[in-house]
Amino acid sequence: MIQKLDISGIHVDLDKEAHEYAVKKIGGMDRFLSRHARESAHAEVKLVEVKIKTRKQYTCEVILRLPKDTLMTKETANTMLAAIDASQSKLKNQLKKYKEKHGNPRLHRRMLSKIRRR
């Protein structure tokens, strides 16, 4: 679980269900981080409600600050929970790329040598 997680609602009263859902989804993204990045990860989640004529749309913006980079996603959906889900899936892909870029190269060499030996 990401230790530093700030969740705020803009133009919307953030109910307990949405808050817990965001903590569960965005806070659980630490499993895609390396151990040294988990300690200093800081996530900011902003949930915004926008009224367009007769319907409401919700936007979820997630800013994840990591040791060597900052990742950001912004998704809009008809429900708040759907916006959180969409942001989580985009953030997951970005974290995979981050891990490949900033991962331990020795680990990759060890894995390649094991495959070659077989």
N, C-alpha and C. Protein backbone atom coordinates (compact mmCIF):
# COMPACT_ATOMS: atom_id res chain seq x y z
N MET A 1 0.85 -1.17 0.00
CA MET A 1 0.00 0.00 0.00
C MET A 1 0.90 1.24 0.00
N ILE A 2 0.60 2.18 -0.88
CA ILE A 2 1.35 3.43 -0.93
C ILE A 2 1.07 4.20 0.36
N GLN A 3 2.13 4.56 1.08
CA GLN A 3 1.97 5.17 2.39
C GLN A 3 1.45 6.60 2.31
N LYS A 4 1.96 7.38 1.36
CA LYS A 4 1.56 8.78 1.24
C LYS A 4 0.54 8.89 0.11
N LEU A 5 -0.72 8.98 0.47
CA LEU A 5 -1.80 9.00 -0.51
C LEU A 5 -2.77 10.12 -0.14
N ASP A 6 -2.83 11.15 -0.99
CA ASP A 6 -3.73 12.28 -0.75
C ASP A 6 -4.89 12.20 -1.74
N ILE A 7 -6.11 12.14 -1.22
CA ILE A 7 -7.30 12.06 -2.06
C ILE A 7 -8.16 13.28 -1.78
N SER A 8 -8.50 14.01 -2.85
CA SER A 8 -9.31 15.20 -2.67
C SER A 8 -10.41 15.24 -3.73
N GLY A 9 -11.53 15.83 -3.37
CA GLY A 9 -12.65 15.99 -4.28
C GLY A 9 -12.86 17.46 -4.62
N ILE A 10 -12.98 17.76 -5.90
CA ILE A 10 -13.18 19.13 -6.34
C ILE A 10 -14.59 19.22 -6.95
N HIS A 11 -15.42 20.09 -6.43
CA HIS A 11 -16.81 20.26 -6.84
C HIS A 11 -17.64 19.00 -6.56
N VAL A 12 -17.20 18.18 -5.65
CA VAL A 12 -17.94 16.97 -5.31
C VAL A 12 -17.68 16.63 -3.84
N ASP A 13 -18.72 16.16 -3.18
CA ASP A 13 -18.55 15.66 -1.82
C ASP A 13 -18.08 14.22 -1.92
N LEU A 14 -16.90 13.97 -1.43
CA LEU A 14 -16.29 12.65 -1.53
C LEU A 14 -16.87 11.75 -0.43
N ASP A 15 -17.66 10.76 -0.83
CA ASP A 15 -18.26 9.86 0.14
C ASP A 15 -17.26 8.77 0.54
N LYS A 16 -17.61 8.04 1.57
CA LYS A 16 -16.71 7.04 2.13
C LYS A 16 -16.42 5.92 1.14
N GLU A 17 -17.43 5.53 0.36
CA GLU A 17 -17.26 4.44 -0.60
C GLU A 17 -16.23 4.80 -1.67
N ALA A 18 -16.33 6.01 -2.23
CA ALA A 18 -15.39 6.44 -3.26
C ALA A 18 -13.98 6.59 -2.69
N HIS A 19 -13.88 7.10 -1.47
CA HIS A 19 -12.57 7.25 -0.84
C HIS A 19 -11.90 5.90 -0.62
N GLU A 20 -12.64 4.94 -0.09
CA GLU A 20 -12.08 3.61 0.15
C GLU A 20 -11.72 2.91 -1.16
N TYR A 21 -12.53 3.12 -2.20
CA TYR A 21 -12.26 2.51 -3.51
C TYR A 21 -10.97 3.07 -4.10
N ALA A 22 -10.78 4.38 -3.98
CA ALA A 22 -9.55 5.01 -4.48
C ALA A 22 -8.33 4.53 -3.70
N VAL A 23 -8.48 4.39 -2.39
CA VAL A 23 -7.36 3.89 -1.58
C VAL A 23 -7.01 2.46 -1.99
N LYS A 24 -8.03 1.66 -2.22
CA LYS A 24 -7.80 0.25 -2.59
C LYS A 24 -7.13 0.15 -3.96
N LYS A 25 -7.64 0.88 -4.95
CA LYS A 25 -7.15 0.77 -6.33
C LYS A 25 -5.80 1.46 -6.51
N ILE A 26 -5.71 2.73 -6.14
CA ILE A 26 -4.48 3.49 -6.37
C ILE A 26 -3.43 3.14 -5.32
N GLY A 27 -3.85 2.91 -4.11
CA GLY A 27 -2.90 2.53 -3.06
C GLY A 27 -2.27 1.18 -3.29
N GLY A 28 -2.97 0.30 -3.99
CA GLY A 28 -2.43 -1.03 -4.27
C GLY A 28 -1.47 -1.08 -5.44
N MET A 29 -1.18 0.05 -6.04
CA MET A 29 -0.27 0.08 -7.19
C MET A 29 1.18 -0.11 -6.78
N ASP A 30 1.46 -0.15 -5.49
CA ASP A 30 2.85 -0.31 -5.05
C ASP A 30 3.42 -1.68 -5.41
N ARG A 31 2.58 -2.64 -5.72
CA ARG A 31 3.09 -3.96 -6.08
C ARG A 31 3.79 -3.94 -7.43
N PHE A 32 3.59 -2.88 -8.21
CA PHE A 32 4.28 -2.74 -9.48
C PHE A 32 5.57 -1.93 -9.35
N LEU A 33 5.90 -1.49 -8.14
CA LEU A 33 7.10 -0.70 -7.90
C LEU A 33 8.21 -1.56 -7.33
N SER A 34 9.45 -1.13 -7.54
CA SER A 34 10.57 -1.81 -6.91
C SER A 34 10.61 -1.42 -5.43
N ARG A 35 11.37 -2.13 -4.66
CA ARG A 35 11.36 -1.91 -3.20
C ARG A 35 11.85 -0.52 -2.82
N HIS A 36 12.92 -0.04 -3.49
CA HIS A 36 13.44 1.28 -3.11
C HIS A 36 12.46 2.39 -3.49
N ALA A 37 11.64 2.19 -4.51
CA ALA A 37 10.69 3.21 -4.93
C ALA A 37 9.44 3.21 -4.05
N ARG A 38 9.13 2.10 -3.42
CA ARG A 38 7.92 2.01 -2.57
C ARG A 38 8.01 2.96 -1.38
N GLU A 39 9.21 3.08 -0.83
CA GLU A 39 9.38 3.88 0.38
C GLU A 39 9.12 5.37 0.15
N SER A 40 9.48 5.86 -1.04
CA SER A 40 9.36 7.30 -1.28
C SER A 40 8.24 7.65 -2.26
N ALA A 41 7.37 6.72 -2.59
CA ALA A 41 6.27 7.00 -3.52
C ALA A 41 5.23 7.87 -2.83
N HIS A 42 4.73 8.85 -3.57
CA HIS A 42 3.72 9.78 -3.06
C HIS A 42 2.66 9.96 -4.15
N ALA A 43 1.42 9.67 -3.84
CA ALA A 43 0.33 9.75 -4.83
C ALA A 43 -0.68 10.82 -4.43
N GLU A 44 -1.11 11.60 -5.42
CA GLU A 44 -2.17 12.58 -5.23
C GLU A 44 -3.30 12.21 -6.18
N VAL A 45 -4.49 12.05 -5.64
CA VAL A 45 -5.66 11.70 -6.43
C VAL A 45 -6.66 12.85 -6.33
N LYS A 46 -7.06 13.38 -7.49
CA LYS A 46 -8.03 14.47 -7.53
C LYS A 46 -9.25 13.97 -8.29
N LEU A 47 -10.40 14.01 -7.65
CA LEU A 47 -11.65 13.60 -8.26
C LEU A 47 -12.49 14.85 -8.50
N VAL A 48 -12.85 15.07 -9.77
CA VAL A 48 -13.55 16.29 -10.17
C VAL A 48 -14.88 15.92 -10.81
N GLU A 49 -15.94 16.65 -10.45
CA GLU A 49 -17.25 16.48 -11.07
C GLU A 49 -17.51 17.67 -11.98
N VAL A 50 -17.85 17.38 -13.24
CA VAL A 50 -18.14 18.42 -14.21
C VAL A 50 -19.55 18.19 -14.75
N LYS A 51 -20.37 19.24 -14.72
CA LYS A 51 -21.73 19.15 -15.25
C LYS A 51 -21.74 19.71 -16.66
N ILE A 52 -22.12 18.86 -17.61
CA ILE A 52 -22.22 19.28 -19.01
C ILE A 52 -23.69 19.16 -19.39
N LYS A 53 -24.30 20.30 -19.54
CA LYS A 53 -25.73 20.41 -19.83
C LYS A 53 -26.56 19.60 -18.85
N THR A 54 -27.03 18.42 -19.22
CA THR A 54 -27.93 17.66 -18.35
C THR A 54 -27.26 16.48 -17.66
N ARG A 55 -26.02 16.20 -17.98
CA ARG A 55 -25.39 15.02 -17.38
C ARG A 55 -24.11 15.40 -16.65
N LYS A 56 -23.69 14.51 -15.78
CA LYS A 56 -22.48 14.72 -15.00
C LYS A 56 -21.38 13.81 -15.54
N GLN A 57 -20.16 14.31 -15.51
CA GLN A 57 -19.00 13.50 -15.84
C GLN A 57 -17.99 13.66 -14.72
N TYR A 58 -17.25 12.59 -14.47
CA TYR A 58 -16.26 12.59 -13.40
C TYR A 58 -14.88 12.39 -14.00
N THR A 59 -13.94 13.16 -13.49
CA THR A 59 -12.56 13.06 -13.93
C THR A 59 -11.70 12.66 -12.75
N CYS A 60 -10.82 11.69 -12.97
CA CYS A 60 -9.88 11.26 -11.96
C CYS A 60 -8.47 11.56 -12.46
N GLU A 61 -7.76 12.37 -11.71
CA GLU A 61 -6.39 12.72 -12.06
C GLU A 61 -5.47 12.18 -10.97
N VAL A 62 -4.49 11.39 -11.39
CA VAL A 62 -3.55 10.79 -10.44
C VAL A 62 -2.15 11.26 -10.79
N ILE A 63 -1.46 11.81 -9.79
CA ILE A 63 -0.06 12.21 -9.93
C ILE A 63 0.74 11.35 -8.96
N LEU A 64 1.65 10.55 -9.50
CA LEU A 64 2.46 9.65 -8.69
C LEU A 64 3.91 10.10 -8.77
N ARG A 65 4.44 10.55 -7.63
CA ARG A 65 5.82 11.01 -7.58
C ARG A 65 6.70 9.86 -7.11
N LEU A 66 7.70 9.54 -7.94
CA LEU A 66 8.63 8.45 -7.68
C LEU A 66 10.04 9.02 -7.60
N PRO A 67 11.03 8.24 -7.15
CA PRO A 67 12.38 8.78 -6.96
C PRO A 67 12.99 9.45 -8.19
N LYS A 68 12.83 8.90 -9.37
CA LYS A 68 13.48 9.47 -10.54
C LYS A 68 12.51 9.99 -11.58
N ASP A 69 11.22 9.98 -11.29
CA ASP A 69 10.25 10.36 -12.30
C ASP A 69 8.91 10.72 -11.65
N THR A 70 8.05 11.37 -12.42
CA THR A 70 6.68 11.67 -11.99
C THR A 70 5.73 11.15 -13.06
N LEU A 71 4.77 10.33 -12.65
CA LEU A 71 3.79 9.76 -13.58
C LEU A 71 2.44 10.44 -13.35
N MET A 72 1.73 10.70 -14.46
CA MET A 72 0.44 11.36 -14.34
C MET A 72 -0.57 10.74 -15.30
N THR A 73 -1.78 10.54 -14.81
CA THR A 73 -2.87 10.06 -15.65
C THR A 73 -4.10 10.92 -15.38
N LYS A 74 -4.93 11.04 -16.40
CA LYS A 74 -6.17 11.81 -16.26
C LYS A 74 -7.21 11.13 -17.14
N GLU A 75 -8.27 10.67 -16.50
CA GLU A 75 -9.33 9.94 -17.21
C GLU A 75 -10.70 10.50 -16.83
N THR A 76 -11.60 10.49 -17.79
CA THR A 76 -12.98 10.96 -17.59
C THR A 76 -13.95 9.83 -17.89
N ALA A 77 -14.99 9.70 -17.06
CA ALA A 77 -16.00 8.66 -17.24
C ALA A 77 -17.34 9.16 -16.69
N ASN A 78 -18.37 8.34 -16.89
CA ASN A 78 -19.71 8.71 -16.43
C ASN A 78 -19.89 8.53 -14.93
N THR A 79 -19.13 7.63 -14.33
CA THR A 79 -19.20 7.43 -12.88
C THR A 79 -17.81 7.62 -12.28
N MET A 80 -17.79 7.94 -11.02
CA MET A 80 -16.52 8.19 -10.35
C MET A 80 -15.68 6.92 -10.26
N LEU A 81 -16.32 5.80 -9.99
CA LEU A 81 -15.60 4.54 -9.87
C LEU A 81 -15.00 4.10 -11.20
N ALA A 82 -15.71 4.35 -12.29
CA ALA A 82 -15.18 4.01 -13.61
C ALA A 82 -13.97 4.87 -13.96
N ALA A 83 -14.00 6.14 -13.56
CA ALA A 83 -12.86 7.02 -13.80
C ALA A 83 -11.64 6.56 -13.01
N ILE A 84 -11.86 6.10 -11.79
CA ILE A 84 -10.75 5.59 -10.97
C ILE A 84 -10.18 4.33 -11.60
N ASP A 85 -11.04 3.44 -12.08
CA ASP A 85 -10.57 2.21 -12.75
C ASP A 85 -9.75 2.51 -13.99
N ALA A 86 -10.21 3.44 -14.80
CA ALA A 86 -9.48 3.78 -16.03
C ALA A 86 -8.12 4.40 -15.71
N SER A 87 -8.08 5.23 -14.70
CA SER A 87 -6.81 5.83 -14.29
C SER A 87 -5.85 4.77 -13.76
N GLN A 88 -6.39 3.82 -13.03
CA GLN A 88 -5.55 2.76 -12.47
C GLN A 88 -4.93 1.90 -13.57
N SER A 89 -5.70 1.59 -14.61
CA SER A 89 -5.15 0.76 -15.68
C SER A 89 -4.08 1.50 -16.47
N LYS A 90 -4.27 2.79 -16.71
CA LYS A 90 -3.24 3.58 -17.39
C LYS A 90 -1.99 3.69 -16.53
N LEU A 91 -2.18 3.90 -15.25
CA LEU A 91 -1.05 4.03 -14.33
C LEU A 91 -0.26 2.73 -14.24
N LYS A 92 -0.96 1.62 -14.31
CA LYS A 92 -0.29 0.31 -14.27
C LYS A 92 0.66 0.16 -15.45
N ASN A 93 0.23 0.56 -16.65
CA ASN A 93 1.09 0.48 -17.83
C ASN A 93 2.28 1.41 -17.70
N GLN A 94 2.07 2.59 -17.16
CA GLN A 94 3.17 3.53 -16.98
C GLN A 94 4.18 3.01 -15.96
N LEU A 95 3.68 2.34 -14.92
CA LEU A 95 4.58 1.79 -13.90
C LEU A 95 5.42 0.65 -14.45
N LYS A 96 4.85 -0.15 -15.34
CA LYS A 96 5.63 -1.22 -15.97
C LYS A 96 6.78 -0.65 -16.78
N LYS A 97 6.51 0.42 -17.52
CA LYS A 97 7.57 1.08 -18.30
C LYS A 97 8.61 1.70 -17.38
N TYR A 98 8.17 2.30 -16.28
CA TYR A 98 9.08 2.90 -15.31
C TYR A 98 10.01 1.83 -14.72
N LYS A 99 9.45 0.69 -14.41
CA LYS A 99 10.24 -0.38 -13.81
C LYS A 99 11.27 -0.92 -14.79
N GLU A 100 10.89 -1.03 -16.07
CA GLU A 100 11.85 -1.47 -17.08
C GLU A 100 12.98 -0.45 -17.24
N LYS A 101 12.64 0.81 -17.20
CA LYS A 101 13.62 1.87 -17.42
C LYS A 101 14.57 2.02 -16.24
N HIS A 102 14.04 1.94 -15.02
CA HIS A 102 14.84 2.18 -13.82
C HIS A 102 15.12 0.92 -13.03
N GLY A 103 14.90 -0.23 -13.62
CA GLY A 103 15.10 -1.48 -12.90
C GLY A 103 16.57 -1.84 -12.74
N ASN A 104 16.82 -2.91 -12.06
CA ASN A 104 18.18 -3.38 -11.81
C ASN A 104 18.67 -4.16 -13.04
N PRO A 105 19.70 -3.67 -13.75
CA PRO A 105 20.15 -4.39 -14.95
C PRO A 105 20.80 -5.73 -14.64
N ARG A 106 21.34 -5.89 -13.44
CA ARG A 106 21.95 -7.17 -13.08
C ARG A 106 20.91 -8.28 -13.04
N LEU A 107 19.74 -7.95 -12.57
CA LEU A 107 18.67 -8.93 -12.50
C LEU A 107 18.33 -9.43 -13.89
N HIS A 108 18.28 -8.53 -14.85
CA HIS A 108 17.97 -8.93 -16.23
C HIS A 108 19.07 -9.83 -16.78
N ARG A 109 20.32 -9.51 -16.47
CA ARG A 109 21.43 -10.35 -16.95
C ARG A 109 21.36 -11.74 -16.36
N ARG A 110 21.01 -11.82 -15.08
CA ARG A 110 20.89 -13.13 -14.43
C ARG A 110 19.79 -13.96 -15.07
N MET A 111 18.67 -13.32 -15.35
CA MET A 111 17.56 -14.05 -15.97
C MET A 111 17.95 -14.52 -17.37
N LEU A 112 18.64 -13.68 -18.12
CA LEU A 112 19.07 -14.08 -19.48
C LEU A 112 20.05 -15.23 -19.43
N SER A 113 20.95 -15.21 -18.46
CA SER A 113 21.94 -16.29 -18.37
C SER A 113 21.26 -17.61 -17.99
N LYS A 114 20.23 -17.57 -17.15
CA LYS A 114 19.50 -18.78 -16.80
C LYS A 114 18.79 -19.36 -18.02
N ILE A 115 18.23 -18.49 -18.84
CA ILE A 115 17.52 -18.95 -20.04
C ILE A 115 18.51 -19.55 -21.03
N ARG A 116 19.66 -18.93 -21.19
CA ARG A 116 20.66 -19.44 -22.13
C ARG A 116 21.22 -20.80 -21.73
N ARG A 117 21.34 -21.03 -20.42
CA ARG A 117 21.89 -22.31 -19.94
C ARG A 117 20.97 -23.47 -20.27
N ARG A 118 19.71 -23.25 -20.39
CA ARG A 118 18.75 -24.33 -20.64
C ARG A 118 18.83 -24.76 -22.03
